Amino acid sequence: MDKAECSPEAAKKFQTTTHEGAWDLGHQEIGGRILTCQGVTIMEKQIKPLLEQNSNAQLLGILAAVFAIILTLVLFVVWRRRKSTGQGILLTGLSDTGKTLIYARLICSQFVKTYTSVKENIGNITVNNSSLRIVDIPGDERLRNKYFDKYKSSAKGLVYVIDSVTIQKEIRDVAEYLYNLLSDPYMQKNIPVLILCNKQDQVMAKGCAVIKTLLEKEMNLLRMTKSSQLETTDASSVNVFLGKQGKDFEFSHLDSQIEFANSYVFNKDPNVEVDIDELKKWLQKVA
């Protein structure tokens, strides 16, 4: 409690007279202080605790508002990422397997004259009321890893297109590229894979069952000869062992779901049907 002497003039200003004739009490509240002229004393109102309580309440309110804003932003970012990623279907494989023509059949439902791709083609289709982004990746060995790395994080599924006519003479290259893809960390996340045996309308084409057997034998040899590091699309996939230890390689041993399908799409005559029905059924399962 602060005390100060009042001047006689101040005492007169706040003086009141009682029945005993003595000035007993006079007070005035000024700026948070109560001035009392009783024994000529100044009493300071004790409002500091109240001010502290108000400050704490305001601080808590501000912190709660900031937390709510941050939480909202985080949820928004997660929602945007889920919306924009994980909807890509990657069409990949060696050059001249018919990837771009398959892409055109899916996007445009028509034949288009194609050339060896030097960059990706991207288009959207709707399957089961869901939008899928089809990404046609160039097959050139100088470009394919670059574009696969660019789009693999958004992959919902992968279609590996094979030329069923030339598979026997290209089996080493076909198997090695497929092995590298399946060894990639992103593909280890159980992303479904369709091995599409294209050009089935040609006389010399190998069937799905034959191609599967050829691939499993070649990938078994590749697995045995990979000693330290594959020349993969991602260096972190070094020493990934595909399949089961002590057993010959089989696609059924992989965590990812690997399926095989037939197709043929090369026909300029719009009245002649092409066959991508198995691909479309697979897309319906993946969507």
C-alpha atoms as a PDB file:
ATOM      1  CA  MET A   1       0.000   0.000   0.000  1.00  0.00           C
ATOM      2  CA  ASP A   2       1.394   3.431  -1.000  1.00  0.00           C
ATOM      3  CA  LYS A   3       1.003   6.267   1.451  1.00  0.00           C
ATOM      4  CA  ALA A   4       1.408   9.983   0.853  1.00  0.00           C
ATOM      5  CA  GLU A   5       0.546  13.109   2.776  1.00  0.00           C
ATOM      6  CA  CYS A   6      -2.327  15.183   1.350  1.00  0.00           C
ATOM      7  CA  SER A   7      -2.092  18.933   1.328  1.00  0.00           C
ATOM      8  CA  PRO A   8      -4.739  20.828   3.312  1.00  0.00           C
ATOM      9  CA  GLU A   9      -6.305  21.904   0.038  1.00  0.00           C
ATOM     10  CA  ALA A  10      -6.669  18.244  -1.059  1.00  0.00           C
ATOM     11  CA  ALA A  11      -8.105  17.382   2.322  1.00  0.00           C
ATOM     12  CA  LYS A  12     -10.705  20.120   1.964  1.00  0.00           C
ATOM     13  CA  LYS A  13     -11.625  18.898  -1.529  1.00  0.00           C
ATOM     14  CA  PHE A  14     -12.537  15.420  -0.305  1.00  0.00           C
ATOM     15  CA  GLN A  15     -13.767  16.374   3.183  1.00  0.00           C
ATOM     16  CA  THR A  16     -17.178  15.270   4.449  1.00  0.00           C
ATOM     17  CA  THR A  17     -18.641  16.133   7.839  1.00  0.00           C
ATOM     18  CA  THR A  18     -20.136  13.604  10.240  1.00  0.00           C
ATOM     19  CA  HIS A  19     -22.458  14.127  13.161  1.00  0.00           C
ATOM     20  CA  GLU A  20     -19.330  14.355  15.278  1.00  0.00           C
ATOM     21  CA  GLY A  21     -18.125  17.300  13.212  1.00  0.00           C
ATOM     22  CA  ALA A  22     -14.990  15.537  12.041  1.00  0.00           C
ATOM     23  CA  TRP A  23     -14.226  14.931   8.323  1.00  0.00           C
ATOM     24  CA  ASP A  24     -14.394  11.201   8.092  1.00  0.00           C
ATOM     25  CA  LEU A  25     -14.238  10.016   4.493  1.00  0.00           C
ATOM     26  CA  GLY A  26     -13.754  11.465   1.084  1.00  0.00           C
ATOM     27  CA  HIS A  27     -12.599   9.560  -1.978  1.00  0.00           C
ATOM     28  CA  GLN A  28     -12.228   9.857  -5.684  1.00  0.00           C
ATOM     29  CA  GLU A  29     -11.117   7.159  -8.204  1.00  0.00           C
ATOM     30  CA  ILE A  30      -8.486   8.487 -10.571  1.00  0.00           C
ATOM     31  CA  GLY A  31      -6.598   6.303 -13.107  1.00  0.00           C
ATOM     32  CA  GLY A  32      -7.073   3.092 -11.180  1.00  0.00           C
ATOM     33  CA  ARG A  33      -6.212   4.599  -7.759  1.00  0.00           C
ATOM     34  CA  ILE A  34      -8.615   5.335  -4.943  1.00  0.00           C
ATOM     35  CA  LEU A  35      -7.564   8.459  -3.098  1.00  0.00           C
ATOM     36  CA  THR A  36      -8.848   8.401   0.429  1.00  0.00           C
ATOM     37  CA  CYS A  37      -8.514  11.258   2.758  1.00  0.00           C
ATOM     38  CA  GLN A  38      -8.792   9.468   6.036  1.00  0.00           C
ATOM     39  CA  GLY A  39      -5.682   9.874   7.963  1.00  0.00           C
ATOM     40  CA  VAL A  40      -4.582  11.487   4.685  1.00  0.00           C
ATOM     41  CA  THR A  41      -3.848   8.150   2.891  1.00  0.00           C
ATOM     42  CA  ILE A  42      -3.628   7.137  -0.828  1.00  0.00           C
ATOM     43  CA  MET A  43      -4.609   3.490  -1.522  1.00  0.00           C
ATOM     44  CA  GLU A  44      -3.642   1.917  -4.877  1.00  0.00           C
ATOM     45  CA  LYS A  45      -6.209  -0.467  -6.247  1.00  0.00           C
ATOM     46  CA  GLN A  46      -4.800  -3.962  -6.555  1.00  0.00           C
ATOM     47  CA  ILE A  47      -5.557  -4.710 -10.227  1.00  0.00           C
ATOM     48  CA  LYS A  48      -2.266  -6.326 -11.226  1.00  0.00           C
ATOM     49  CA  PRO A  49      -3.550  -9.928 -10.760  1.00  0.00           C
ATOM     50  CA  LEU A  50      -6.578  -9.118 -12.912  1.00  0.00           C
ATOM     51  CA  LEU A  51      -4.376  -7.698 -15.647  1.00  0.00           C
ATOM     52  CA  GLU A  52      -2.183 -10.796 -15.552  1.00  0.00           C
ATOM     53  CA  GLN A  53      -5.238 -13.054 -15.847  1.00  0.00           C
ATOM     54  CA  ASN A  54      -6.460 -11.096 -18.864  1.00  0.00           C
ATOM     55  CA  SER A  55      -3.025 -11.294 -20.497  1.00  0.00           C
ATOM     56  CA  ASN A  56      -2.839 -15.063 -19.996  1.00  0.00           C
ATOM     57  CA  ALA A  57      -6.314 -15.533 -21.450  1.00  0.00           C
ATOM     58  CA  GLN A  58      -5.418 -13.440 -24.501  1.00  0.00           C
ATOM     59  CA  LEU A  59      -2.182 -15.395 -25.001  1.00  0.00           C
ATOM     60  CA  LEU A  60      -4.013 -18.727 -24.859  1.00  0.00           C
ATOM     61  CA  GLY A  61      -6.554 -17.439 -27.356  1.00  0.00           C
ATOM     62  CA  ILE A  62      -3.819 -16.364 -29.768  1.00  0.00           C
ATOM     63  CA  LEU A  63      -2.006 -19.703 -29.453  1.00  0.00           C
ATOM     64  CA  ALA A  64      -5.234 -21.622 -30.071  1.00  0.00           C
ATOM     65  CA  ALA A  65      -5.944 -19.543 -33.178  1.00  0.00           C
ATOM     66  CA  VAL A  66      -2.415 -20.074 -34.531  1.00  0.00           C
ATOM     67  CA  PHE A  67      -2.666 -23.830 -33.901  1.00  0.00           C
ATOM     68  CA  ALA A  68      -6.018 -23.990 -35.692  1.00  0.00           C
ATOM     69  CA  ILE A  69      -4.568 -22.152 -38.712  1.00  0.00           C
ATOM     70  CA  ILE A  70      -1.522 -24.444 -38.891  1.00  0.00           C
ATOM     71  CA  LEU A  71      -3.687 -27.563 -38.574  1.00  0.00           C
ATOM     72  CA  THR A  72      -5.972 -26.312 -41.338  1.00  0.00           C
ATOM     73  CA  LEU A  73      -3.002 -25.653 -43.631  1.00  0.00           C
ATOM     74  CA  VAL A  74      -1.531 -29.110 -42.966  1.00  0.00           C
ATOM     75  CA  LEU A  75      -4.845 -30.824 -43.704  1.00  0.00           C
ATOM     76  CA  PHE A  76      -5.235 -28.756 -46.875  1.00  0.00           C
ATOM     77  CA  VAL A  77      -1.750 -29.695 -48.111  1.00  0.00           C
ATOM     78  CA  VAL A  78      -2.390 -33.392 -47.399  1.00  0.00           C
ATOM     79  CA  TRP A  79      -5.709 -33.207 -49.240  1.00  0.00           C
ATOM     80  CA  ARG A  80      -4.119 -31.498 -52.253  1.00  0.00           C
ATOM     81  CA  ARG A  81      -1.337 -34.067 -52.396  1.00  0.00           C
ATOM     82  CA  ARG A  82      -3.773 -36.958 -52.231  1.00  0.00           C
ATOM     83  CA  LYS A  83      -5.824 -35.342 -54.956  1.00  0.00           C
ATOM     84  CA  SER A  84      -2.912 -34.633 -57.275  1.00  0.00           C
ATOM     85  CA  THR A  85      -0.784 -37.734 -56.675  1.00  0.00           C
ATOM     86  CA  GLY A  86      -1.331 -41.442 -56.760  1.00  0.00           C
ATOM     87  CA  GLN A  87      -3.553 -41.279 -59.868  1.00  0.00           C
ATOM     88  CA  GLY A  88      -0.889 -41.903 -62.504  1.00  0.00           C
ATOM     89  CA  ILE A  89      -0.805 -44.972 -64.732  1.00  0.00           C
ATOM     90  CA  LEU A  90       2.673 -45.263 -66.224  1.00  0.00           C
ATOM     91  CA  LEU A  91       2.994 -46.839 -69.676  1.00  0.00           C
ATOM     92  CA  THR A  92       6.554 -48.022 -70.077  1.00  0.00           C
ATOM     93  CA  GLY A  93       8.683 -50.577 -71.907  1.00  0.00           C
ATOM     94  CA  LEU A  94      11.294 -50.711 -74.652  1.00  0.00           C
ATOM     95  CA  SER A  95      11.011 -48.638 -77.825  1.00  0.00           C
ATOM     96  CA  ASP A  96       8.684 -49.775 -80.628  1.00  0.00           C
ATOM     97  CA  THR A  97       6.448 -51.889 -78.418  1.00  0.00           C
ATOM     98  CA  GLY A  98       3.338 -49.835 -79.216  1.00  0.00           C
ATOM     99  CA  LYS A  99       3.067 -47.774 -76.016  1.00  0.00           C
ATOM    100  CA  THR A 100       2.122 -44.511 -77.702  1.00  0.00           C
ATOM    101  CA  LEU A 101      -0.506 -46.182 -79.873  1.00  0.00           C
ATOM    102  CA  ILE A 102      -2.003 -47.820 -76.772  1.00  0.00           C
ATOM    103  CA  TYR A 103      -1.967 -44.386 -75.128  1.00  0.00           C
ATOM    104  CA  ALA A 104      -3.808 -42.906 -78.129  1.00  0.00           C
ATOM    105  CA  ARG A 105      -6.404 -45.692 -78.051  1.00  0.00           C
ATOM    106  CA  LEU A 106      -7.072 -45.002 -74.373  1.00  0.00           C
ATOM    107  CA  ILE A 107      -7.198 -41.218 -74.675  1.00  0.00           C
ATOM    108  CA  CYS A 108      -8.634 -40.670 -78.165  1.00  0.00           C
ATOM    109  CA  SER A 109     -10.166 -44.076 -78.977  1.00  0.00           C
ATOM    110  CA  GLN A 110      -8.617 -43.942 -82.432  1.00  0.00           C
ATOM    111  CA  PHE A 111      -5.549 -44.824 -84.468  1.00  0.00           C
ATOM    112  CA  VAL A 112      -2.831 -42.179 -84.710  1.00  0.00           C
ATOM    113  CA  LYS A 113       0.419 -42.308 -86.591  1.00  0.00           C
ATOM    114  CA  THR A 114       3.210 -42.479 -84.044  1.00  0.00           C
ATOM    115  CA  TYR A 115       6.955 -41.982 -83.979  1.00  0.00           C
ATOM    116  CA  THR A 116       9.611 -42.887 -81.447  1.00  0.00           C
ATOM    117  CA  SER A 117       8.812 -40.705 -78.451  1.00  0.00           C
ATOM    118  CA  VAL A 118      11.433 -38.292 -77.153  1.00  0.00           C
ATOM    119  CA  LYS A 119       9.227 -36.924 -74.372  1.00  0.00           C
ATOM    120  CA  GLU A 120       6.300 -38.071 -72.307  1.00  0.00           C
ATOM    121  CA  ASN A 121       2.660 -37.940 -73.404  1.00  0.00           C
ATOM    122  CA  ILE A 122       0.055 -37.217 -70.737  1.00  0.00           C
ATOM    123  CA  GLY A 123      -3.715 -37.458 -70.855  1.00  0.00           C
ATOM    124  CA  ASN A 124      -6.630 -38.155 -68.519  1.00  0.00           C
ATOM    125  CA  ILE A 125      -9.360 -40.764 -68.699  1.00  0.00           C
ATOM    126  CA  THR A 126     -12.285 -41.479 -66.395  1.00  0.00           C
ATOM    127  CA  VAL A 127     -12.653 -44.993 -65.021  1.00  0.00           C
ATOM    128  CA  ASN A 128     -15.269 -45.906 -62.404  1.00  0.00           C
ATOM    129  CA  ASN A 129     -15.945 -42.186 -61.865  1.00  0.00           C
ATOM    130  CA  SER A 130     -12.266 -41.703 -61.010  1.00  0.00           C
ATOM    131  CA  SER A 131      -9.806 -39.685 -63.061  1.00  0.00           C
ATOM    132  CA  LEU A 132      -6.642 -41.523 -64.083  1.00  0.00           C
ATOM    133  CA  ARG A 133      -3.664 -39.745 -65.587  1.00  0.00           C
ATOM    134  CA  ILE A 134      -2.049 -41.856 -68.308  1.00  0.00           C
ATOM    135  CA  VAL A 135       1.669 -41.143 -68.728  1.00  0.00           C
ATOM    136  CA  ASP A 136       3.355 -42.572 -71.825  1.00  0.00           C
ATOM    137  CA  ILE A 137       7.069 -42.789 -70.993  1.00  0.00           C
ATOM    138  CA  PRO A 138       9.635 -42.833 -73.847  1.00  0.00           C
ATOM    139  CA  GLY A 139      11.237 -46.238 -74.384  1.00  0.00           C
ATOM    140  CA  ASP A 140      14.641 -44.931 -75.416  1.00  0.00           C
ATOM    141  CA  GLU A 141      17.188 -46.118 -72.854  1.00  0.00           C
ATOM    142  CA  ARG A 142      18.684 -42.615 -72.641  1.00  0.00           C
ATOM    143  CA  LEU A 143      15.316 -41.117 -71.656  1.00  0.00           C
ATOM    144  CA  ARG A 144      13.179 -43.741 -69.947  1.00  0.00           C
ATOM    145  CA  ASN A 145      14.869 -43.645 -66.545  1.00  0.00           C
ATOM    146  CA  LYS A 146      14.652 -39.857 -66.441  1.00  0.00           C
ATOM    147  CA  TYR A 147      10.911 -39.802 -67.088  1.00  0.00           C
ATOM    148  CA  PHE A 148      10.198 -42.779 -64.866  1.00  0.00           C
ATOM    149  CA  ASP A 149      11.957 -40.991 -61.994  1.00  0.00           C
ATOM    150  CA  LYS A 150       9.906 -37.887 -62.738  1.00  0.00           C
ATOM    151  CA  TYR A 151       6.513 -39.590 -62.503  1.00  0.00           C
ATOM    152  CA  LYS A 152       7.015 -42.667 -60.320  1.00  0.00           C
ATOM    153  CA  SER A 153       5.970 -40.903 -57.104  1.00  0.00           C
ATOM    154  CA  SER A 154       2.490 -40.358 -58.561  1.00  0.00           C
ATOM    155  CA  ALA A 155       2.107 -43.928 -59.828  1.00  0.00           C
ATOM    156  CA  LYS A 156      -1.085 -45.768 -58.990  1.00  0.00           C
ATOM    157  CA  GLY A 157      -0.158 -48.562 -61.370  1.00  0.00           C
ATOM    158  CA  LEU A 158       2.373 -49.487 -64.035  1.00  0.00           C
ATOM    159  CA  VAL A 159       1.792 -51.061 -67.453  1.00  0.00           C
ATOM    160  CA  TYR A 160       4.895 -52.711 -68.903  1.00  0.00           C
ATOM    161  CA  VAL A 161       4.352 -53.118 -72.646  1.00  0.00           C
ATOM    162  CA  ILE A 162       6.128 -55.947 -74.470  1.00  0.00           C
ATOM    163  CA  ASP A 163       6.459 -56.615 -78.199  1.00  0.00           C
ATOM    164  CA  SER A 164       5.187 -60.196 -78.382  1.00  0.00           C
ATOM    165  CA  VAL A 165       6.808 -60.707 -81.800  1.00  0.00           C
ATOM    166  CA  THR A 166      10.395 -59.770 -80.918  1.00  0.00           C
ATOM    167  CA  ILE A 167      10.374 -60.902 -77.279  1.00  0.00           C
ATOM    168  CA  GLN A 168      12.597 -63.931 -77.831  1.00  0.00           C
ATOM    169  CA  LYS A 169      15.494 -62.003 -79.343  1.00  0.00           C
ATOM    170  CA  GLU A 170      15.076 -59.043 -76.969  1.00  0.00           C
ATOM    171  CA  ILE A 171      14.458 -61.079 -73.835  1.00  0.00           C
ATOM    172  CA  ARG A 172      17.627 -59.903 -72.081  1.00  0.00           C
ATOM    173  CA  ASP A 173      16.849 -56.185 -72.495  1.00  0.00           C
ATOM    174  CA  VAL A 174      13.156 -56.662 -71.731  1.00  0.00           C
ATOM    175  CA  ALA A 175      13.886 -58.634 -68.552  1.00  0.00           C
ATOM    176  CA  GLU A 176      16.612 -56.302 -67.320  1.00  0.00           C
ATOM    177  CA  TYR A 177      14.527 -53.150 -67.674  1.00  0.00           C
ATOM    178  CA  LEU A 178      11.617 -54.863 -65.934  1.00  0.00           C
ATOM    179  CA  TYR A 179      13.942 -56.101 -63.177  1.00  0.00           C
ATOM    180  CA  ASN A 180      15.241 -52.577 -62.647  1.00  0.00           C
ATOM    181  CA  LEU A 181      11.723 -51.159 -62.445  1.00  0.00           C
ATOM    182  CA  LEU A 182      10.550 -53.760 -59.944  1.00  0.00           C
ATOM    183  CA  SER A 183      13.667 -53.143 -57.824  1.00  0.00           C
ATOM    184  CA  ASP A 184      12.904 -49.435 -57.489  1.00  0.00           C
ATOM    185  CA  PRO A 185      11.831 -48.412 -53.942  1.00  0.00           C
ATOM    186  CA  TYR A 186       8.603 -46.858 -55.221  1.00  0.00           C
ATOM    187  CA  MET A 187       7.653 -50.128 -56.868  1.00  0.00           C
ATOM    188  CA  GLN A 188       8.276 -51.913 -53.576  1.00  0.00           C
ATOM    189  CA  LYS A 189       5.152 -50.205 -52.205  1.00  0.00           C
ATOM    190  CA  ASN A 190       2.844 -52.855 -53.668  1.00  0.00           C
ATOM    191  CA  ILE A 191       2.028 -50.841 -56.783  1.00  0.00           C
ATOM    192  CA  PRO A 192       0.117 -53.132 -59.173  1.00  0.00           C
ATOM    193  CA  VAL A 193       1.858 -54.025 -62.428  1.00  0.00           C
ATOM    194  CA  LEU A 194       0.344 -55.215 -65.697  1.00  0.00           C
ATOM    195  CA  ILE A 195       2.700 -56.859 -68.185  1.00  0.00           C
ATOM    196  CA  LEU A 196       0.898 -56.194 -71.449  1.00  0.00           C
ATOM    197  CA  CYS A 197       1.864 -58.555 -74.273  1.00  0.00           C
ATOM    198  CA  ASN A 198       1.122 -56.388 -77.283  1.00  0.00           C
ATOM    199  CA  LYS A 199       0.846 -57.161 -81.025  1.00  0.00           C
ATOM    200  CA  GLN A 200      -1.050 -60.384 -80.417  1.00  0.00           C
ATOM    201  CA  ASP A 201      -2.726 -60.082 -83.817  1.00  0.00           C
ATOM    202  CA  GLN A 202       0.528 -60.945 -85.593  1.00  0.00           C
ATOM    203  CA  VAL A 203       1.329 -64.512 -86.617  1.00  0.00           C
ATOM    204  CA  MET A 204       4.735 -64.682 -84.928  1.00  0.00           C
ATOM    205  CA  ALA A 205       3.518 -63.300 -81.602  1.00  0.00           C
ATOM    206  CA  LYS A 206       4.213 -65.325 -78.451  1.00  0.00           C
ATOM    207  CA  GLY A 207       1.319 -65.862 -76.077  1.00  0.00           C
ATOM    208  CA  CYS A 208       1.126 -64.554 -72.507  1.00  0.00           C
ATOM    209  CA  ALA A 209       1.975 -67.888 -70.891  1.00  0.00           C
ATOM    210  CA  VAL A 210       5.083 -68.349 -73.043  1.00  0.00           C
ATOM    211  CA  ILE A 211       6.263 -64.777 -72.401  1.00  0.00           C
ATOM    212  CA  LYS A 212       5.786 -65.200 -68.652  1.00  0.00           C
ATOM    213  CA  THR A 213       7.939 -68.339 -68.663  1.00  0.00           C
ATOM    214  CA  LEU A 214      10.651 -66.665 -70.750  1.00  0.00           C
ATOM    215  CA  LEU A 215      10.744 -63.668 -68.422  1.00  0.00           C
ATOM    216  CA  GLU A 216      10.900 -65.719 -65.231  1.00  0.00           C
ATOM    217  CA  LYS A 217      13.851 -67.749 -66.537  1.00  0.00           C
ATOM    218  CA  GLU A 218      15.737 -64.648 -67.674  1.00  0.00           C
ATOM    219  CA  MET A 219      15.046 -62.724 -64.474  1.00  0.00           C
ATOM    220  CA  ASN A 220      16.267 -65.692 -62.465  1.00  0.00           C
ATOM    221  CA  LEU A 221      19.581 -65.473 -64.340  1.00  0.00           C
ATOM    222  CA  LEU A 222      19.704 -61.707 -63.854  1.00  0.00           C
ATOM    223  CA  ARG A 223      19.122 -62.065 -60.133  1.00  0.00           C
ATOM    224  CA  MET A 224      22.039 -64.475 -59.835  1.00  0.00           C
ATOM    225  CA  THR A 225      24.417 -62.253 -61.807  1.00  0.00           C
ATOM    226  CA  LYS A 226      23.585 -58.984 -60.035  1.00  0.00           C
ATOM    227  CA  SER A 227      26.481 -58.853 -57.621  1.00  0.00           C
ATOM    228  CA  SER A 228      26.651 -55.367 -56.182  1.00  0.00           C
ATOM    229  CA  GLN A 229      24.547 -52.753 -57.886  1.00  0.00           C
ATOM    230  CA  LEU A 230      21.989 -52.707 -60.664  1.00  0.00           C
ATOM    231  CA  GLU A 231      22.075 -49.895 -63.139  1.00  0.00           C
ATOM    232  CA  THR A 232      18.646 -48.812 -61.949  1.00  0.00           C
ATOM    233  CA  THR A 233      16.453 -45.786 -62.064  1.00  0.00           C
ATOM    234  CA  ASP A 234      17.269 -45.153 -58.411  1.00  0.00           C
ATOM    235  CA  ALA A 235      20.624 -45.877 -56.768  1.00  0.00           C
ATOM    236  CA  SER A 236      18.909 -46.591 -53.446  1.00  0.00           C
ATOM    237  CA  SER A 237      17.498 -49.811 -54.915  1.00  0.00           C
ATOM    238  CA  VAL A 238      20.922 -51.475 -54.699  1.00  0.00           C
ATOM    239  CA  ASN A 239      20.872 -55.071 -53.412  1.00  0.00           C
ATOM    240  CA  VAL A 240      17.088 -55.424 -53.593  1.00  0.00           C
ATOM    241  CA  PHE A 241      16.410 -59.138 -53.880  1.00  0.00           C
ATOM    242  CA  LEU A 242      13.355 -59.920 -55.964  1.00  0.00           C
ATOM    243  CA  GLY A 243      11.487 -63.079 -55.082  1.00  0.00           C
ATOM    244  CA  LYS A 244      12.284 -65.699 -52.439  1.00  0.00           C
ATOM    245  CA  GLN A 245      15.743 -66.723 -51.286  1.00  0.00           C
ATOM    246  CA  GLY A 246      16.708 -70.223 -52.345  1.00  0.00           C
ATOM    247  CA  LYS A 247      13.968 -70.504 -54.975  1.00  0.00           C
ATOM    248  CA  ASP A 248      13.862 -69.821 -58.688  1.00  0.00           C
ATOM    249  CA  PHE A 249      12.319 -66.495 -59.604  1.00  0.00           C
ATOM    250  CA  GLU A 250       8.564 -66.387 -59.999  1.00  0.00           C
ATOM    251  CA  PHE A 251       6.345 -63.329 -60.340  1.00  0.00           C
ATOM    252  CA  SER A 252       4.000 -64.843 -57.754  1.00  0.00           C
ATOM    253  CA  HIS A 253       6.763 -64.509 -55.129  1.00  0.00           C
ATOM    254  CA  LEU A 254       6.744 -60.701 -55.341  1.00  0.00           C
ATOM    255  CA  ASP A 255       4.809 -58.489 -52.940  1.00  0.00           C
ATOM    256  CA  SER A 256       3.449 -56.421 -55.816  1.00  0.00           C
ATOM    257  CA  GLN A 257       0.551 -57.880 -57.746  1.00  0.00           C
ATOM    258  CA  ILE A 258       1.865 -58.794 -61.209  1.00  0.00           C
ATOM    259  CA  GLU A 259      -0.646 -59.654 -63.929  1.00  0.00           C
ATOM    260  CA  PHE A 260      -0.319 -60.522 -67.614  1.00  0.00           C
ATOM    261  CA  ALA A 261      -2.652 -59.508 -70.437  1.00  0.00           C
ATOM    262  CA  ASN A 262      -2.872 -59.539 -74.235  1.00  0.00           C
ATOM    263  CA  SER A 263      -3.510 -56.639 -76.601  1.00  0.00           C
ATOM    264  CA  TYR A 264      -3.281 -55.480 -80.182  1.00  0.00           C
ATOM    265  CA  VAL A 265      -3.916 -51.923 -81.319  1.00  0.00           C
ATOM    266  CA  PHE A 266      -2.286 -51.431 -84.710  1.00  0.00           C
ATOM    267  CA  ASN A 267      -5.063 -51.086 -87.246  1.00  0.00           C
ATOM    268  CA  LYS A 268      -5.776 -48.015 -89.355  1.00  0.00           C
ATOM    269  CA  ASP A 269      -9.225 -49.196 -90.382  1.00  0.00           C
ATOM    270  CA  PRO A 270     -11.750 -47.664 -87.936  1.00  0.00           C
ATOM    271  CA  ASN A 271     -14.192 -50.462 -88.780  1.00  0.00           C
ATOM    272  CA  VAL A 272     -11.802 -53.149 -87.558  1.00  0.00           C
ATOM    273  CA  GLU A 273     -11.765 -53.648 -83.811  1.00  0.00           C
ATOM    274  CA  VAL A 274      -8.629 -53.552 -81.712  1.00  0.00           C
ATOM    275  CA  ASP A 275      -8.179 -55.368 -78.440  1.00  0.00           C
ATOM    276  CA  ILE A 276      -7.380 -53.511 -75.235  1.00  0.00           C
ATOM    277  CA  ASP A 277     -10.236 -55.066 -73.258  1.00  0.00           C
ATOM    278  CA  GLU A 278      -7.956 -56.781 -70.745  1.00  0.00           C
ATOM    279  CA  LEU A 279      -6.104 -53.515 -70.188  1.00  0.00           C
ATOM    280  CA  LYS A 280      -9.380 -51.689 -69.573  1.00  0.00           C
ATOM    281  CA  LYS A 281     -10.517 -54.342 -67.083  1.00  0.00           C
ATOM    282  CA  TRP A 282      -7.231 -53.997 -65.224  1.00  0.00           C
ATOM    283  CA  LEU A 283      -7.625 -50.208 -65.122  1.00  0.00           C
ATOM    284  CA  GLN A 284     -11.083 -50.668 -63.595  1.00  0.00           C
ATOM    285  CA  LYS A 285      -9.568 -52.741 -60.792  1.00  0.00           C
ATOM    286  CA  VAL A 286      -6.787 -50.233 -60.174  1.00  0.00           C
ATOM    287  CA  ALA A 287      -8.912 -47.048 -60.325  1.00  0.00           C
END
